[in-house]
């Protein structure tokens, strides 16, 4: 039995989830246009490496995965983008196995609910000042958008 996939941390999720080829400045009707699906973590890998110009090691640390896993993700992402460009396919962005690193917290003292990034956990309650703040959901740091 294979190991379960480790959650990949992403910092950016795009608003636009589809890019389609245009011919001579006119976008064709999307009926019949084949698609290539780019996972959220694949886009994040390209963003970190190509836009932020981080080293592979820095990218892997930011995504909380190994360097080899990062390399596998970015290789697959680049293949998909090149395939879409060369074969006039649309690129859809979505799915994957990722987390935005957001925790949903609840104060045990007063019941106030709040959100914080993974790094901010352990804060005191914004309402009553208690340090009895705990995760409100079982998978608070694992909000996935699998498809």
C-alpha atoms as a PDB file:
ATOM      1  CA  UNK A   1       0.000   0.000   0.000  1.00  0.00           C
ATOM      2  CA  UNK A   2       1.493   3.416  -0.968  1.00  0.00           C
ATOM      3  CA  UNK A   3       2.216   6.104   1.566  1.00  0.00           C
ATOM      4  CA  UNK A   4      -0.444   8.802   1.924  1.00  0.00           C
ATOM      5  CA  UNK A   5       0.297  12.026   0.049  1.00  0.00           C
ATOM      6  CA  UNK A   6       1.736  14.732   2.296  1.00  0.00           C
ATOM      7  CA  UNK A   7      -0.139  18.043   2.316  1.00  0.00           C
ATOM      8  CA  UNK A   8       1.629  20.722   0.267  1.00  0.00           C
ATOM      9  CA  UNK A   9       1.530  24.247   1.662  1.00  0.00           C
ATOM     10  CA  UNK A  10       0.461  26.951  -0.791  1.00  0.00           C
ATOM     11  CA  UNK A  11       0.344  30.695  -0.282  1.00  0.00           C
ATOM     12  CA  UNK A  12      -1.421  31.728  -3.487  1.00  0.00           C
ATOM     13  CA  UNK A  13      -4.611  30.511  -5.134  1.00  0.00           C
ATOM     14  CA  UNK A  14      -5.473  32.343  -8.363  1.00  0.00           C
ATOM     15  CA  UNK A  15      -8.846  33.954  -9.014  1.00  0.00           C
ATOM     16  CA  UNK A  16      -8.704  33.042 -12.703  1.00  0.00           C
ATOM     17  CA  UNK A  17      -8.849  29.259 -12.971  1.00  0.00           C
ATOM     18  CA  UNK A  18      -8.759  28.841 -16.744  1.00  0.00           C
ATOM     19  CA  UNK A  19      -6.594  29.979 -19.654  1.00  0.00           C
ATOM     20  CA  UNK A  20      -7.591  29.137 -23.204  1.00  0.00           C
ATOM     21  CA  UNK A  21      -5.745  29.506 -26.528  1.00  0.00           C
ATOM     22  CA  UNK A  22      -6.803  32.244 -28.921  1.00  0.00           C
ATOM     23  CA  UNK A  23      -6.388  32.267 -32.670  1.00  0.00           C
ATOM     24  CA  UNK A  24      -5.605  35.537 -34.490  1.00  0.00           C
ATOM     25  CA  UNK A  25      -6.721  37.623 -31.518  1.00  0.00           C
ATOM     26  CA  UNK A  26     -10.114  35.925 -31.262  1.00  0.00           C
ATOM     27  CA  UNK A  27     -10.925  33.475 -28.519  1.00  0.00           C
ATOM     28  CA  UNK A  28     -12.790  30.450 -29.843  1.00  0.00           C
ATOM     29  CA  UNK A  29     -15.808  29.004 -28.157  1.00  0.00           C
ATOM     30  CA  UNK A  30     -14.502  26.630 -25.514  1.00  0.00           C
ATOM     31  CA  UNK A  31     -16.708  23.806 -26.789  1.00  0.00           C
ATOM     32  CA  UNK A  32     -14.439  21.010 -27.899  1.00  0.00           C
ATOM     33  CA  UNK A  33     -11.224  22.595 -26.596  1.00  0.00           C
ATOM     34  CA  UNK A  34      -9.188  19.995 -24.764  1.00  0.00           C
ATOM     35  CA  UNK A  35      -7.929  20.866 -21.305  1.00  0.00           C
ATOM     36  CA  UNK A  36      -4.841  20.217 -19.209  1.00  0.00           C
ATOM     37  CA  UNK A  37      -5.428  20.385 -15.447  1.00  0.00           C
ATOM     38  CA  UNK A  38      -2.718  22.101 -13.422  1.00  0.00           C
ATOM     39  CA  UNK A  39      -2.958  21.345  -9.701  1.00  0.00           C
ATOM     40  CA  UNK A  40      -2.826  24.195  -7.189  1.00  0.00           C
ATOM     41  CA  UNK A  41       0.470  22.923  -5.748  1.00  0.00           C
ATOM     42  CA  UNK A  42       1.967  22.697  -9.250  1.00  0.00           C
ATOM     43  CA  UNK A  43       1.163  26.359  -9.873  1.00  0.00           C
ATOM     44  CA  UNK A  44       2.602  27.236  -6.453  1.00  0.00           C
ATOM     45  CA  UNK A  45       5.841  25.407  -7.278  1.00  0.00           C
ATOM     46  CA  UNK A  46       6.229  27.373 -10.525  1.00  0.00           C
ATOM     47  CA  UNK A  47       5.348  30.632  -8.772  1.00  0.00           C
ATOM     48  CA  UNK A  48       7.972  30.139  -6.070  1.00  0.00           C
ATOM     49  CA  UNK A  49      10.723  28.949  -8.410  1.00  0.00           C
ATOM     50  CA  UNK A  50      10.095  31.069 -11.504  1.00  0.00           C
ATOM     51  CA  UNK A  51       8.444  34.242 -10.194  1.00  0.00           C
ATOM     52  CA  UNK A  52      10.019  34.593  -6.746  1.00  0.00           C
ATOM     53  CA  UNK A  53      13.270  33.081  -8.070  1.00  0.00           C
ATOM     54  CA  UNK A  54      13.875  30.995  -4.937  1.00  0.00           C
ATOM     55  CA  UNK A  55      16.246  28.050  -4.867  1.00  0.00           C
ATOM     56  CA  UNK A  56      14.808  24.546  -4.958  1.00  0.00           C
ATOM     57  CA  UNK A  57      15.688  24.157  -1.269  1.00  0.00           C
ATOM     58  CA  UNK A  58      13.892  27.399  -0.343  1.00  0.00           C
ATOM     59  CA  UNK A  59      10.835  26.407  -2.380  1.00  0.00           C
ATOM     60  CA  UNK A  60      10.663  22.999  -0.701  1.00  0.00           C
ATOM     61  CA  UNK A  61      10.894  24.612   2.752  1.00  0.00           C
ATOM     62  CA  UNK A  62       8.118  27.096   1.906  1.00  0.00           C
ATOM     63  CA  UNK A  63       5.873  24.279   0.665  1.00  0.00           C
ATOM     64  CA  UNK A  64       6.876  22.032   3.613  1.00  0.00           C
ATOM     65  CA  UNK A  65       7.917  19.131   1.380  1.00  0.00           C
ATOM     66  CA  UNK A  66      11.189  17.433   0.458  1.00  0.00           C
ATOM     67  CA  UNK A  67      13.418  18.738  -2.337  1.00  0.00           C
ATOM     68  CA  UNK A  68      12.739  15.602  -4.383  1.00  0.00           C
ATOM     69  CA  UNK A  69       8.979  16.013  -4.020  1.00  0.00           C
ATOM     70  CA  UNK A  70       9.299  19.658  -5.026  1.00  0.00           C
ATOM     71  CA  UNK A  71      11.306  18.643  -8.100  1.00  0.00           C
ATOM     72  CA  UNK A  72       8.678  16.051  -9.068  1.00  0.00           C
ATOM     73  CA  UNK A  73       5.873  18.605  -8.690  1.00  0.00           C
ATOM     74  CA  UNK A  74       7.557  21.340 -10.727  1.00  0.00           C
ATOM     75  CA  UNK A  75       8.634  18.883 -13.456  1.00  0.00           C
ATOM     76  CA  UNK A  76       5.047  17.705 -13.874  1.00  0.00           C
ATOM     77  CA  UNK A  77       3.735  21.288 -13.834  1.00  0.00           C
ATOM     78  CA  UNK A  78       6.131  22.430 -16.545  1.00  0.00           C
ATOM     79  CA  UNK A  79       5.282  19.426 -18.731  1.00  0.00           C
ATOM     80  CA  UNK A  80       1.587  20.277 -18.482  1.00  0.00           C
ATOM     81  CA  UNK A  81       2.102  23.948 -19.355  1.00  0.00           C
ATOM     82  CA  UNK A  82       4.333  23.128 -22.334  1.00  0.00           C
ATOM     83  CA  UNK A  83       1.860  20.472 -23.551  1.00  0.00           C
ATOM     84  CA  UNK A  84      -0.988  23.004 -23.367  1.00  0.00           C
ATOM     85  CA  UNK A  85       1.002  25.658 -25.230  1.00  0.00           C
ATOM     86  CA  UNK A  86       2.226  23.337 -27.994  1.00  0.00           C
ATOM     87  CA  UNK A  87      -1.035  21.446 -28.483  1.00  0.00           C
ATOM     88  CA  UNK A  88      -3.398  24.462 -28.164  1.00  0.00           C
ATOM     89  CA  UNK A  89      -5.108  23.128 -25.063  1.00  0.00           C
ATOM     90  CA  UNK A  90      -6.765  25.148 -22.326  1.00  0.00           C
ATOM     91  CA  UNK A  91      -5.179  25.158 -18.863  1.00  0.00           C
ATOM     92  CA  UNK A  92      -7.518  24.743 -15.918  1.00  0.00           C
ATOM     93  CA  UNK A  93      -6.200  25.276 -12.405  1.00  0.00           C
ATOM     94  CA  UNK A  94      -7.648  23.368  -9.488  1.00  0.00           C
ATOM     95  CA  UNK A  95      -7.559  20.269  -7.399  1.00  0.00           C
ATOM     96  CA  UNK A  96      -4.558  18.726  -5.762  1.00  0.00           C
ATOM     97  CA  UNK A  97      -3.524  17.911  -2.242  1.00  0.00           C
ATOM     98  CA  UNK A  98      -2.699  21.162  -0.514  1.00  0.00           C
ATOM     99  CA  UNK A  99      -3.280  23.336   2.527  1.00  0.00           C
ATOM    100  CA  UNK A 100      -3.380  27.098   2.834  1.00  0.00           C
ATOM    101  CA  UNK A 101      -2.002  26.697   6.381  1.00  0.00           C
ATOM    102  CA  UNK A 102      -4.990  28.301   8.023  1.00  0.00           C
ATOM    103  CA  UNK A 103      -6.120  27.096  11.420  1.00  0.00           C
ATOM    104  CA  UNK A 104      -9.601  27.597  12.796  1.00  0.00           C
ATOM    105  CA  UNK A 105      -9.235  28.285  16.500  1.00  0.00           C
ATOM    106  CA  UNK A 106     -11.681  28.408  19.392  1.00  0.00           C
ATOM    107  CA  UNK A 107     -11.152  29.848  22.857  1.00  0.00           C
ATOM    108  CA  UNK A 108     -12.050  27.299  25.536  1.00  0.00           C
ATOM    109  CA  UNK A 109     -12.704  30.093  28.046  1.00  0.00           C
ATOM    110  CA  UNK A 110     -15.207  32.283  26.160  1.00  0.00           C
ATOM    111  CA  UNK A 111     -16.016  30.305  22.990  1.00  0.00           C
ATOM    112  CA  UNK A 112     -14.768  32.958  20.559  1.00  0.00           C
ATOM    113  CA  UNK A 113     -13.816  31.531  17.166  1.00  0.00           C
ATOM    114  CA  UNK A 114     -10.958  32.973  15.096  1.00  0.00           C
ATOM    115  CA  UNK A 115      -8.618  32.155  12.251  1.00  0.00           C
ATOM    116  CA  UNK A 116      -4.833  32.270  12.244  1.00  0.00           C
ATOM    117  CA  UNK A 117      -2.050  31.057  10.030  1.00  0.00           C
ATOM    118  CA  UNK A 118      -0.235  27.922  11.093  1.00  0.00           C
ATOM    119  CA  UNK A 119       2.698  30.004  12.336  1.00  0.00           C
ATOM    120  CA  UNK A 120       0.423  32.152  14.540  1.00  0.00           C
ATOM    121  CA  UNK A 121      -1.127  29.274  16.471  1.00  0.00           C
ATOM    122  CA  UNK A 122      -0.675  29.508  20.230  1.00  0.00           C
ATOM    123  CA  UNK A 123      -1.930  33.077  20.403  1.00  0.00           C
ATOM    124  CA  UNK A 124      -4.116  34.413  23.173  1.00  0.00           C
ATOM    125  CA  UNK A 125      -7.824  34.984  22.604  1.00  0.00           C
ATOM    126  CA  UNK A 126      -8.560  38.316  20.963  1.00  0.00           C
ATOM    127  CA  UNK A 127     -11.771  38.642  23.000  1.00  0.00           C
ATOM    128  CA  UNK A 128     -10.911  37.611  26.565  1.00  0.00           C
ATOM    129  CA  UNK A 129      -7.107  37.314  26.593  1.00  0.00           C
ATOM    130  CA  UNK A 130      -7.103  33.631  27.625  1.00  0.00           C
ATOM    131  CA  UNK A 131      -4.298  31.375  26.413  1.00  0.00           C
ATOM    132  CA  UNK A 132      -6.691  28.406  26.223  1.00  0.00           C
ATOM    133  CA  UNK A 133      -7.033  28.649  22.428  1.00  0.00           C
ATOM    134  CA  UNK A 134      -7.274  25.326  20.573  1.00  0.00           C
ATOM    135  CA  UNK A 135      -7.959  24.035  17.080  1.00  0.00           C
ATOM    136  CA  UNK A 136     -11.672  24.111  16.346  1.00  0.00           C
ATOM    137  CA  UNK A 137     -11.629  21.400  13.657  1.00  0.00           C
ATOM    138  CA  UNK A 138      -9.898  18.053  13.432  1.00  0.00           C
ATOM    139  CA  UNK A 139      -8.167  18.947  10.174  1.00  0.00           C
ATOM    140  CA  UNK A 140      -7.709  22.658  10.817  1.00  0.00           C
ATOM    141  CA  UNK A 141      -4.443  22.889   8.919  1.00  0.00           C
ATOM    142  CA  UNK A 142      -5.410  20.511   6.141  1.00  0.00           C
ATOM    143  CA  UNK A 143      -8.031  22.309   4.083  1.00  0.00           C
ATOM    144  CA  UNK A 144      -7.785  20.384   0.835  1.00  0.00           C
ATOM    145  CA  UNK A 145      -9.385  21.039  -2.485  1.00  0.00           C
ATOM    146  CA  UNK A 146      -9.052  17.624  -4.097  1.00  0.00           C
ATOM    147  CA  UNK A 147     -10.653  16.926  -7.409  1.00  0.00           C
END
